[in-house]
């Protein structure tokens, strides 16, 4: 033991000791379309990762939603319209699960949803 009650390095680690492997740190928060690298495979995503969702809606409906959100955001606790949309999306998903699947999540399809408009032939 070294002077003044401290332990020296040579007394704590045997000579030729190898440092243990350090595991990669877990992701601190989910990835988003803005933090993921381009080309990252969608199979690498977890249920907590944020994905971008787009859809069409009538202009009048969008304007009515934005006006309602602007008028009520201080009272409802949704600082951005997307926060309210996510809450509605999740509440409706839960309602459908409760009503049609005894409150359990529906089985997930291995197929991806179709993207864009289907191409129709002239035949």
Foldseek 3Di string as FASTA:
>chain_A
DDPPPDDDPCRPDPPPDDDDDDDDDDDPAAAEPVRDDPPPDPVPHDPRHYYDDDDDDDPVVVVVLVVVCVVCCVPPVQPDSVSVVVVVVVVVQQVCCVVPPVRDHDDDDPDDDDDDDDDDDPD
